[in-house]
N, C-alpha and C. Protein backbone atom coordinates (compact mmCIF):
# COMPACT_ATOMS: atom_id res chain seq x y z
N MET A 1 4.41 4.99 -9.50
CA MET A 1 3.10 5.18 -10.29
C MET A 1 2.29 3.90 -10.18
N ASN A 2 1.34 4.07 -9.88
CA ASN A 2 0.07 2.60 -9.71
C ASN A 2 -1.06 2.96 -10.71
N LEU A 3 -1.22 2.16 -11.45
CA LEU A 3 -2.46 2.03 -12.23
C LEU A 3 -3.69 1.28 -11.69
N ILE A 4 -4.72 1.57 -11.52
CA ILE A 4 -5.74 0.86 -11.02
C ILE A 4 -6.87 0.67 -12.03
N ILE A 5 -7.01 -0.91 -12.67
CA ILE A 5 -7.81 -1.30 -13.55
C ILE A 5 -8.56 -2.40 -13.32
N GLY A 6 -9.95 -1.78 -13.52
CA GLY A 6 -11.01 -3.02 -13.53
C GLY A 6 -12.17 -2.81 -14.11
N LYS A 7 -13.05 -3.37 -14.32
CA LYS A 7 -14.26 -2.99 -14.79
C LYS A 7 -15.13 -2.42 -14.19
N ASN A 8 -16.43 -1.96 -14.73
CA ASN A 8 -17.09 -0.89 -14.68
C ASN A 8 -17.65 -1.32 -13.18
N ASN A 9 -18.15 -0.36 -11.95
CA ASN A 9 -18.95 -0.48 -10.90
C ASN A 9 -18.12 -1.10 -10.09
N ALA A 10 -16.86 -1.74 -10.13
CA ALA A 10 -15.82 -2.74 -9.36
C ALA A 10 -15.28 -2.00 -7.83
N GLY A 11 -15.47 -0.62 -8.17
CA GLY A 11 -15.06 -0.04 -7.06
C GLY A 11 -13.88 1.06 -7.05
N LYS A 12 -13.38 1.07 -8.38
CA LYS A 12 -12.27 1.91 -8.63
C LYS A 12 -12.26 3.20 -7.89
N SER A 13 -13.29 3.66 -8.40
CA SER A 13 -13.36 5.21 -7.86
C SER A 13 -13.42 5.45 -6.60
N SER A 14 -14.23 4.49 -5.65
CA SER A 14 -13.96 4.26 -4.12
C SER A 14 -13.10 4.39 -3.63
N LEU A 15 -12.22 3.35 -4.20
CA LEU A 15 -10.63 3.13 -3.74
C LEU A 15 -10.15 4.32 -3.87
N LEU A 16 -10.22 5.17 -5.04
CA LEU A 16 -9.47 6.29 -5.16
C LEU A 16 -9.79 7.30 -4.39
N ASP A 17 -11.14 7.35 -4.09
CA ASP A 17 -11.63 8.58 -3.09
C ASP A 17 -10.99 8.22 -1.52
N MET A 18 -10.95 6.95 -1.45
CA MET A 18 -10.63 6.75 0.22
C MET A 18 -9.01 7.26 0.26
N ILE A 19 -8.37 6.74 -0.82
CA ILE A 19 -6.49 6.97 -1.10
C ILE A 19 -6.65 8.56 -0.79
N HIS A 20 -7.14 9.16 -1.80
CA HIS A 20 -7.31 10.58 -1.96
C HIS A 20 -7.41 11.30 -0.31
N CYS A 21 -8.41 10.85 0.31
CA CYS A 21 -8.92 11.03 1.62
C CYS A 21 -7.62 11.23 2.79
N PHE A 22 -7.02 9.94 2.81
CA PHE A 22 -6.03 9.79 3.65
C PHE A 22 -4.71 10.76 3.09
N ALA A 23 -4.42 10.65 1.66
CA ALA A 23 -3.20 11.41 1.44
C ALA A 23 -3.42 12.72 1.34
N LYS A 24 -4.61 13.29 1.71
CA LYS A 24 -4.59 14.82 1.99
C LYS A 24 -5.19 15.11 3.54
N PRO A 25 -4.48 15.37 3.97
CA PRO A 25 -4.51 15.22 5.80
C PRO A 25 -5.76 16.49 5.97
N THR A 26 -6.11 17.05 5.12
CA THR A 26 -7.15 18.36 5.22
C THR A 26 -8.13 17.89 4.74
N MET A 27 -8.34 16.64 4.29
CA MET A 27 -9.60 16.34 3.86
C MET A 27 -10.28 15.46 5.12
N LEU A 28 -9.37 15.27 5.77
CA LEU A 28 -9.78 14.49 7.17
C LEU A 28 -10.59 15.35 8.28
N ASN A 29 -10.71 16.65 7.91
CA ASN A 29 -11.23 17.58 8.71
C ASN A 29 -12.29 18.02 8.11
N ASP A 30 -13.03 17.51 7.08
CA ASP A 30 -14.20 17.61 6.20
C ASP A 30 -15.24 16.77 7.17
N PRO A 31 -16.07 17.58 7.63
CA PRO A 31 -17.40 16.66 8.20
C PRO A 31 -17.72 15.16 7.39
N GLU A 32 -17.71 15.37 6.37
CA GLU A 32 -18.29 13.98 5.59
C GLU A 32 -17.10 12.94 6.17
N PHE A 33 -16.03 13.09 6.57
CA PHE A 33 -15.26 11.87 6.70
C PHE A 33 -14.58 11.88 8.34
N SER A 34 -15.82 12.47 8.97
CA SER A 34 -15.52 12.67 10.55
C SER A 34 -15.45 10.93 11.15
N GLY A 35 -14.50 10.53 12.09
CA GLY A 35 -14.67 9.36 12.57
C GLY A 35 -13.89 8.44 11.22
N ALA A 36 -13.11 8.62 10.40
CA ALA A 36 -12.54 8.02 9.31
C ALA A 36 -11.75 7.19 9.76
N GLN A 37 -11.52 6.07 9.91
CA GLN A 37 -10.42 5.41 10.42
C GLN A 37 -9.78 4.40 9.25
N LEU A 38 -8.24 4.16 9.54
CA LEU A 38 -7.74 3.62 8.12
C LEU A 38 -7.19 2.20 8.84
N ILE A 39 -7.28 0.94 8.27
CA ILE A 39 -6.58 0.21 8.82
C ILE A 39 -5.65 -0.70 7.52
N LEU A 40 -4.54 -0.68 8.27
CA LEU A 40 -3.57 -1.38 7.67
C LEU A 40 -2.57 -2.47 8.44
N SER A 41 -1.65 -3.22 7.09
CA SER A 41 -1.03 -4.21 7.33
C SER A 41 0.35 -4.08 6.69
N ARG A 42 1.17 -4.60 7.29
CA ARG A 42 2.38 -4.40 6.87
C ARG A 42 3.23 -5.59 7.10
N ARG A 43 4.35 -6.20 6.63
CA ARG A 43 5.00 -7.04 7.13
C ARG A 43 5.98 -6.67 7.88
N LEU A 44 6.35 -7.82 9.34
CA LEU A 44 7.16 -7.36 9.97
C LEU A 44 9.05 -7.45 9.42
N THR A 45 9.74 -6.71 9.53
CA THR A 45 11.29 -6.65 9.26
C THR A 45 12.31 -7.33 10.26
N GLU A 46 13.03 -7.94 9.91
CA GLU A 46 14.07 -8.09 11.14
C GLU A 46 14.63 -6.96 11.73
N ALA A 47 14.71 -5.70 10.95
CA ALA A 47 15.16 -4.52 11.42
C ALA A 47 14.22 -4.50 12.90
N GLU A 48 13.14 -4.10 12.45
CA GLU A 48 12.12 -3.71 13.38
C GLU A 48 11.97 -4.71 14.39
N ILE A 49 12.19 -5.97 14.51
CA ILE A 49 11.95 -7.09 15.76
C ILE A 49 13.13 -6.90 16.58
N SER A 50 14.33 -7.02 15.75
CA SER A 50 15.71 -6.78 16.73
C SER A 50 15.79 -5.69 17.35
N LEU A 51 15.32 -4.28 17.11
CA LEU A 51 15.16 -3.35 17.66
C LEU A 51 14.32 -3.63 19.06
N ARG A 52 13.14 -4.08 19.03
CA ARG A 52 12.60 -3.91 20.21
C ARG A 52 12.33 -5.16 21.13
N PHE A 53 13.23 -6.36 20.41
CA PHE A 53 13.47 -7.41 21.28
C PHE A 53 15.06 -7.98 21.04
N PRO A 54 15.64 -7.36 21.57
CA PRO A 54 16.96 -7.52 21.04
C PRO A 54 17.45 -8.97 21.87
N HIS A 55 18.86 -9.31 21.41
CA HIS A 55 19.58 -10.79 21.26
C HIS A 55 19.84 -10.62 22.91
N GLN A 56 20.42 -9.62 23.41
CA GLN A 56 21.11 -9.38 24.71
C GLN A 56 19.79 -9.26 25.66
N LYS A 57 18.68 -8.95 25.53
CA LYS A 57 17.72 -9.08 26.46
C LYS A 57 17.20 -10.34 27.20
N ARG A 58 17.38 -10.52 28.16
CA ARG A 58 16.62 -12.10 28.54
C ARG A 58 15.84 -11.62 29.94
N GLY A 59 15.22 -12.53 30.33
CA GLY A 59 14.20 -12.64 31.67
C GLY A 59 12.87 -11.84 31.19
N GLY A 60 12.32 -11.79 32.70
CA GLY A 60 10.84 -11.44 32.54
C GLY A 60 10.15 -12.53 31.98
N SER A 61 8.73 -12.18 31.36
CA SER A 61 8.05 -13.24 31.07
C SER A 61 8.49 -14.28 29.71
N VAL A 62 9.34 -13.69 29.15
CA VAL A 62 10.03 -14.74 27.96
C VAL A 62 10.53 -15.83 28.16
N PRO A 63 9.97 -16.84 27.80
CA PRO A 63 10.64 -18.21 28.12
C PRO A 63 11.55 -18.86 27.39
N TYR A 64 12.18 -18.19 26.57
CA TYR A 64 13.39 -18.22 25.79
C TYR A 64 14.50 -17.99 26.12
N GLU A 65 15.80 -18.08 25.38
CA GLU A 65 16.90 -17.82 25.94
C GLU A 65 17.32 -16.24 25.96
N ASP A 66 16.77 -15.79 24.83
CA ASP A 66 16.88 -14.41 24.80
C ASP A 66 15.27 -13.90 24.27
N HIS A 67 15.19 -12.41 23.99
CA HIS A 67 14.03 -12.22 23.75
C HIS A 67 13.70 -12.14 22.18
N TYR A 68 15.02 -12.06 21.55
CA TYR A 68 15.20 -12.09 20.01
C TYR A 68 14.48 -13.45 19.83
N SER A 69 14.89 -14.80 20.23
CA SER A 69 14.44 -15.91 19.94
C SER A 69 13.08 -16.15 20.05
N TRP A 70 12.48 -15.58 20.89
CA TRP A 70 11.00 -15.57 20.84
C TRP A 70 10.34 -14.92 19.82
N ALA A 71 10.82 -13.63 19.47
CA ALA A 71 10.36 -13.01 18.73
C ALA A 71 10.60 -13.10 17.16
N LYS A 72 11.42 -13.75 16.68
CA LYS A 72 11.89 -14.25 15.37
C LYS A 72 10.76 -14.62 14.58
N LYS A 73 9.88 -15.48 15.56
CA LYS A 73 8.75 -16.25 14.62
C LYS A 73 7.58 -15.01 13.90
N PHE A 74 7.88 -13.86 14.72
CA PHE A 74 7.22 -12.81 13.78
C PHE A 74 7.75 -12.13 12.54
N LEU A 75 9.00 -12.67 11.97
CA LEU A 75 9.52 -12.27 11.04
C LEU A 75 8.86 -12.57 10.06
N ASP A 76 8.62 -11.32 8.92
CA ASP A 76 7.79 -11.68 7.68
C ASP A 76 6.49 -11.97 7.78
N THR A 77 5.52 -11.82 8.81
CA THR A 77 4.53 -12.21 9.22
C THR A 77 3.88 -10.62 9.24
N SER A 78 2.61 -10.87 9.24
CA SER A 78 1.67 -9.27 9.51
C SER A 78 1.28 -8.64 10.57
N ILE A 79 1.38 -7.28 10.54
CA ILE A 79 1.04 -6.75 11.85
C ILE A 79 0.13 -5.60 11.55
N TYR A 80 -1.23 -5.91 12.57
CA TYR A 80 -2.25 -5.03 11.66
C TYR A 80 -2.81 -3.82 12.77
N TYR A 81 -2.84 -2.65 12.19
CA TYR A 81 -3.02 -1.21 12.96
C TYR A 81 -3.73 -0.48 12.33
N SER A 82 -4.43 0.48 13.20
CA SER A 82 -5.19 1.62 12.50
C SER A 82 -4.81 2.95 12.70
N VAL A 83 -5.36 3.64 11.90
CA VAL A 83 -4.72 4.98 12.21
C VAL A 83 -6.17 5.99 11.89
N LYS A 84 -5.97 6.71 13.04
CA LYS A 84 -6.98 7.86 13.13
C LYS A 84 -6.60 9.06 14.14
N ASP A 85 -7.12 10.06 13.33
CA ASP A 85 -6.58 11.16 13.86
C ASP A 85 -5.00 11.46 14.14
N LYS A 86 -4.41 10.95 13.13
CA LYS A 86 -2.83 10.56 13.63
C LYS A 86 -2.62 9.68 14.54
N GLU A 87 -3.18 9.03 15.10
CA GLU A 87 -2.99 8.29 16.07
C GLU A 87 -2.76 6.69 15.66
N LYS A 88 -1.46 5.79 15.75
CA LYS A 88 -1.58 4.41 15.45
C LYS A 88 -1.78 3.52 16.73
N ILE A 89 -2.90 2.69 16.33
CA ILE A 89 -3.09 1.58 17.33
C ILE A 89 -3.33 0.10 16.79
N LEU A 90 -2.39 -0.69 17.34
CA LEU A 90 -1.86 -1.91 17.21
C LEU A 90 -3.40 -2.93 17.43
N LEU A 91 -3.65 -3.46 16.36
CA LEU A 91 -4.66 -4.28 16.35
C LEU A 91 -4.21 -5.47 16.54
N GLY A 92 -3.42 -6.14 15.97
CA GLY A 92 -2.89 -7.43 16.36
C GLY A 92 -1.76 -7.94 15.30
N THR A 93 -1.73 -9.25 15.37
CA THR A 93 -0.56 -10.07 14.71
C THR A 93 -0.80 -10.98 13.95
N GLU A 94 -0.46 -11.43 12.87
CA GLU A 94 -0.74 -12.66 12.18
C GLU A 94 -0.56 -13.83 13.28
N VAL A 95 1.00 -13.81 13.69
CA VAL A 95 0.96 -14.89 14.95
C VAL A 95 0.68 -14.36 15.93
N THR A 96 -0.24 -15.04 16.80
CA THR A 96 -0.78 -14.57 18.17
C THR A 96 0.30 -14.39 19.10
N ILE A 97 0.07 -13.02 19.96
CA ILE A 97 1.17 -12.90 20.68
C ILE A 97 0.55 -13.24 22.00
N GLU A 98 1.48 -14.17 22.36
CA GLU A 98 0.88 -15.24 23.71
C GLU A 98 1.34 -14.36 24.98
N ILE A 99 2.46 -13.40 25.02
CA ILE A 99 2.72 -12.86 26.34
C ILE A 99 2.42 -11.57 26.02
N PRO A 100 1.38 -11.31 27.13
CA PRO A 100 0.94 -9.77 27.25
C PRO A 100 1.93 -8.87 27.88
N GLU A 101 3.08 -8.98 28.33
CA GLU A 101 4.07 -8.20 28.28
C GLU A 101 4.66 -7.47 27.10
N ALA A 102 4.75 -8.11 25.95
CA ALA A 102 5.17 -7.76 24.79
C ALA A 102 4.22 -6.85 23.93
N LEU A 103 3.25 -6.87 24.22
CA LEU A 103 2.58 -5.57 23.48
C LEU A 103 2.91 -4.52 23.54
N PRO A 104 3.12 -3.83 24.30
CA PRO A 104 3.94 -2.27 24.65
C PRO A 104 5.23 -2.43 23.13
N ASP A 105 5.77 -3.48 23.15
CA ASP A 105 6.86 -3.41 22.18
C ASP A 105 6.48 -3.55 20.69
N PHE A 106 5.22 -4.31 20.67
CA PHE A 106 4.92 -4.15 19.28
C PHE A 106 4.18 -3.00 19.08
N GLN A 107 3.52 -2.09 20.00
CA GLN A 107 2.92 -0.64 19.87
C GLN A 107 3.78 0.11 19.32
N LYS A 108 5.19 0.00 20.01
CA LYS A 108 6.14 0.74 19.67
C LYS A 108 6.56 0.58 18.53
N ILE A 109 6.79 -0.56 18.09
CA ILE A 109 6.98 -0.95 16.56
C ILE A 109 5.97 -0.10 15.70
N VAL A 110 4.64 -0.30 15.87
CA VAL A 110 3.55 0.50 15.09
C VAL A 110 3.97 1.87 15.40
N ASP A 111 4.20 2.51 15.93
CA ASP A 111 4.35 3.79 16.38
C ASP A 111 5.52 4.65 15.73
N SER A 112 6.46 3.40 15.12
CA SER A 112 7.67 3.72 14.75
C SER A 112 7.54 3.90 12.73
N PHE A 113 6.26 3.38 12.71
CA PHE A 113 6.10 3.42 11.10
C PHE A 113 5.86 4.83 10.56
N ASN A 114 6.37 4.74 9.04
CA ASN A 114 6.11 6.28 8.78
C ASN A 114 4.61 6.32 7.99
N ASP A 115 3.78 7.58 7.93
CA ASP A 115 2.47 7.46 7.22
C ASP A 115 2.94 6.72 5.93
N PRO A 116 2.29 5.96 5.36
CA PRO A 116 2.64 5.49 4.05
C PRO A 116 1.79 6.36 2.80
N PHE A 117 1.19 7.35 3.66
CA PHE A 117 0.51 8.61 2.70
C PHE A 117 1.45 9.39 2.51
N HIS A 118 2.55 9.74 3.07
CA HIS A 118 3.23 10.85 2.95
C HIS A 118 3.40 11.26 1.82
N GLY A 119 3.31 12.53 1.22
CA GLY A 119 4.06 12.98 0.23
C GLY A 119 3.32 12.64 -1.03
N MET A 120 2.15 11.62 -0.90
CA MET A 120 1.84 10.80 -1.89
C MET A 120 1.00 12.10 -2.75
N LYS A 121 1.20 11.65 -4.26
CA LYS A 121 0.11 12.73 -5.08
C LYS A 121 -0.74 11.80 -5.60
N VAL A 122 -1.96 11.88 -5.80
CA VAL A 122 -2.79 11.62 -6.13
C VAL A 122 -3.55 12.40 -7.67
N TYR A 123 -3.78 11.91 -8.64
CA TYR A 123 -4.11 12.20 -9.82
C TYR A 123 -5.22 11.09 -10.40
N SER A 124 -6.55 11.68 -10.55
CA SER A 124 -7.55 10.70 -11.19
C SER A 124 -7.95 11.41 -12.55
N VAL A 125 -8.39 10.45 -13.37
CA VAL A 125 -8.70 10.65 -14.89
C VAL A 125 -10.37 10.45 -14.34
N SER A 126 -10.93 11.08 -15.09
CA SER A 126 -12.41 11.50 -14.81
C SER A 126 -13.06 10.26 -15.79
N ALA A 127 -14.17 9.85 -14.92
CA ALA A 127 -15.08 8.72 -15.74
C ALA A 127 -15.61 9.04 -16.70
N GLU A 128 -15.83 10.46 -16.65
CA GLU A 128 -16.31 10.85 -18.18
C GLU A 128 -15.29 11.46 -19.30
N ARG A 129 -14.02 10.86 -19.25
CA ARG A 129 -13.04 10.92 -20.22
C ARG A 129 -13.62 10.54 -21.66
N ASN A 130 -12.70 11.28 -22.32
CA ASN A 130 -12.73 10.74 -23.98
C ASN A 130 -11.14 11.05 -24.44
N VAL A 131 -10.62 9.65 -24.43
CA VAL A 131 -9.23 9.03 -24.42
C VAL A 131 -9.10 8.83 -25.88
N LYS A 132 -8.37 9.70 -26.27
CA LYS A 132 -7.90 9.61 -27.98
C LYS A 132 -6.57 8.88 -28.43
N PRO A 133 -6.54 8.47 -29.57
CA PRO A 133 -5.39 7.77 -29.88
C PRO A 133 -4.24 9.26 -29.55
N GLU A 134 -3.22 8.56 -29.11
CA GLU A 134 -1.95 9.96 -28.78
C GLU A 134 -0.63 9.36 -29.47
N GLY A 135 -0.03 10.31 -30.26
CA GLY A 135 1.33 10.19 -30.34
C GLY A 135 2.53 9.88 -29.73
N HIS A 136 3.52 9.42 -30.07
CA HIS A 136 4.92 9.78 -28.94
C HIS A 136 5.07 11.26 -28.26
N ALA A 137 5.20 11.11 -27.19
CA ALA A 137 5.70 12.31 -26.42
C ALA A 137 6.58 11.69 -25.33
N THR A 138 6.98 13.13 -24.92
CA THR A 138 8.24 12.89 -24.02
C THR A 138 7.64 13.45 -22.48
N GLY A 139 8.46 12.90 -21.67
CA GLY A 139 7.52 13.19 -20.23
C GLY A 139 6.27 12.71 -19.81
N ILE A 140 5.99 12.94 -18.56
CA ILE A 140 4.79 12.36 -18.13
C ILE A 140 3.61 13.20 -17.33
N GLY A 141 2.74 13.49 -18.19
CA GLY A 141 1.68 14.42 -17.91
C GLY A 141 0.09 14.00 -18.22
N VAL A 142 -0.73 13.72 -17.27
CA VAL A 142 -2.21 13.50 -17.27
C VAL A 142 -3.22 14.25 -17.34
N ASP A 143 -3.95 14.78 -17.83
CA ASP A 143 -5.49 15.68 -17.50
C ASP A 143 -6.48 14.68 -16.99
N SER A 144 -7.39 15.45 -16.26
CA SER A 144 -8.77 14.76 -15.81
C SER A 144 -9.36 14.31 -17.04
N TYR A 145 -9.20 14.59 -18.12
CA TYR A 145 -10.07 13.90 -19.30
C TYR A 145 -9.24 12.66 -19.89
N GLY A 146 -7.93 11.93 -19.44
CA GLY A 146 -7.64 10.87 -19.26
C GLY A 146 -6.20 11.39 -20.89
N ALA A 147 -6.36 12.51 -21.44
CA ALA A 147 -5.12 12.71 -22.46
C ALA A 147 -3.69 12.78 -22.01
N GLY A 148 -2.92 11.82 -22.23
CA GLY A 148 -1.47 11.91 -21.82
C GLY A 148 -1.57 10.40 -20.80
N VAL A 149 -2.36 9.52 -20.60
CA VAL A 149 -2.14 8.33 -20.13
C VAL A 149 -1.21 7.65 -21.04
N THR A 150 -1.89 7.46 -22.14
CA THR A 150 -0.86 6.63 -23.08
C THR A 150 0.69 6.76 -23.29
N SER A 151 0.91 7.94 -23.70
CA SER A 151 2.11 8.72 -23.65
C SER A 151 2.65 8.64 -22.28
N SER A 152 2.29 8.77 -21.07
CA SER A 152 2.90 8.39 -19.79
C SER A 152 3.37 7.23 -19.57
N ILE A 153 2.59 6.35 -19.76
CA ILE A 153 3.02 5.00 -19.53
C ILE A 153 3.86 4.44 -20.57
N ARG A 154 3.79 5.03 -21.61
CA ARG A 154 5.13 4.68 -22.71
C ARG A 154 6.17 5.35 -22.27
N SER A 155 6.48 6.35 -22.09
CA SER A 155 7.50 7.25 -21.43
C SER A 155 7.87 6.15 -20.29
N ILE A 156 7.30 5.85 -19.38
CA ILE A 156 8.00 4.98 -17.82
C ILE A 156 8.17 3.76 -18.91
N LEU A 157 7.59 2.98 -19.42
CA LEU A 157 8.28 1.61 -19.96
C LEU A 157 9.50 1.73 -20.61
N ASN A 158 9.57 3.02 -21.59
CA ASN A 158 10.84 3.15 -22.26
C ASN A 158 11.90 3.78 -21.51
N VAL A 159 11.45 4.23 -20.64
CA VAL A 159 12.84 4.87 -19.70
C VAL A 159 13.41 3.52 -18.86
N GLU A 160 12.67 2.90 -18.02
CA GLU A 160 12.76 1.97 -17.40
C GLU A 160 13.50 0.93 -18.20
N THR A 161 14.01 0.03 -17.49
CA THR A 161 14.82 -1.37 -18.40
C THR A 161 13.70 -2.49 -17.74
N PHE A 162 13.16 -2.88 -18.39
CA PHE A 162 12.05 -4.05 -18.41
C PHE A 162 12.73 -5.18 -19.06
N HIS A 163 12.57 -6.75 -18.46
CA HIS A 163 12.58 -7.85 -19.55
C HIS A 163 11.30 -7.78 -20.42
N ASP A 164 11.50 -7.88 -21.37
CA ASP A 164 10.18 -8.04 -22.51
C ASP A 164 9.18 -8.92 -22.01
N GLY A 165 9.44 -10.25 -21.28
CA GLY A 165 8.64 -10.88 -21.20
C GLY A 165 7.83 -10.16 -19.95
N LEU A 166 8.17 -9.42 -19.01
CA LEU A 166 7.27 -8.45 -18.09
C LEU A 166 6.05 -7.72 -18.70
N ILE A 167 6.20 -7.04 -19.71
CA ILE A 167 5.25 -6.48 -20.59
C ILE A 167 4.38 -7.18 -21.42
N GLU A 168 5.07 -8.30 -22.12
CA GLU A 168 4.26 -9.05 -22.97
C GLU A 168 3.53 -10.09 -22.52
N LYS A 169 4.04 -10.69 -21.52
CA LYS A 169 3.44 -11.69 -20.38
C LYS A 169 2.53 -11.39 -19.43
N ASP A 170 3.43 -10.83 -18.41
CA ASP A 170 2.81 -10.53 -17.19
C ASP A 170 1.97 -9.44 -17.24
N LEU A 171 2.25 -8.54 -17.66
CA LEU A 171 1.30 -7.14 -17.43
C LEU A 171 -0.04 -7.87 -18.37
N LEU A 172 0.08 -8.35 -19.41
CA LEU A 172 -1.26 -8.52 -20.22
C LEU A 172 -1.75 -9.73 -19.64
N GLY A 173 -1.30 -10.65 -19.28
CA GLY A 173 -2.02 -11.73 -18.27
C GLY A 173 -2.71 -11.11 -17.26
N GLU A 174 -2.16 -10.12 -16.55
CA GLU A 174 -2.88 -9.71 -15.66
C GLU A 174 -4.02 -9.02 -15.83
N LEU A 175 -3.90 -8.20 -16.91
CA LEU A 175 -4.98 -7.31 -17.43
C LEU A 175 -6.08 -8.20 -17.87
N ASN A 176 -5.77 -9.46 -18.73
CA ASN A 176 -6.71 -10.32 -18.99
C ASN A 176 -7.22 -10.92 -17.99
N LYS A 177 -6.48 -11.29 -16.82
CA LYS A 177 -7.34 -11.70 -15.43
C LYS A 177 -8.22 -10.93 -15.02
N ILE A 178 -8.07 -9.65 -15.08
CA ILE A 178 -9.08 -8.64 -14.60
C ILE A 178 -10.45 -8.48 -15.67
N LEU A 179 -10.13 -8.41 -16.61
CA LEU A 179 -11.23 -7.90 -17.88
C LEU A 179 -11.16 -9.05 -18.23
N GLY A 180 -11.25 -10.19 -18.05
CA GLY A 180 -11.58 -11.25 -19.15
C GLY A 180 -13.15 -12.14 -18.17
N PRO A 181 -13.67 -12.47 -18.84
CA PRO A 181 -13.92 -13.15 -20.22
C PRO A 181 -14.39 -11.73 -21.35
N ASP A 182 -14.65 -10.29 -20.85
CA ASP A 182 -15.05 -9.56 -21.37
C ASP A 182 -14.23 -9.00 -22.31
N MET A 183 -13.02 -8.60 -22.17
CA MET A 183 -12.26 -8.64 -23.05
C MET A 183 -10.89 -9.34 -22.97
N HIS A 184 -9.93 -9.49 -24.14
CA HIS A 184 -8.68 -9.92 -24.03
C HIS A 184 -7.76 -9.25 -24.83
N PHE A 185 -6.60 -9.02 -24.15
CA PHE A 185 -5.41 -8.37 -24.86
C PHE A 185 -4.57 -9.17 -25.09
N SER A 186 -3.65 -9.14 -26.43
CA SER A 186 -2.36 -9.66 -26.42
C SER A 186 -1.38 -8.99 -27.10
């Protein structure tokens, strides 16, 4: 579960609209979203690098003992790609790819990525909500007017095992960074 918290007019609803658009593929057929393109980035893992640039592969334009020795500089760095009409297109990497012959291998890495929105469910709480104090309840359920938000969060926090400092220090500290100086949580 992800919560999006911020001041009024910060763009929370626009962000949710965009996520909702890409999470429901049928929305991309709507003329309002024609030409919509999603630009994503993610960190490259050792598994992804070693699959396309194995230790055993040598030669070609790679001036190293093997292809993996050259490609390991991309480990844990960002790769950027776009998604449009279900097609994934390599845009670039955080570290420059100085060997053009390697571009098809990076495109194959991008092609192997799963859709980050596949199976995602998006629930939005109306901006015109009337959130009222809630008693303790079990389970998770939120309606569009905000009823159930507090109980759902409480249920998640009570079921999971969190270090006490996570809630008291980290979560409240981050909320204060977002909403301060207008509000302060303690």
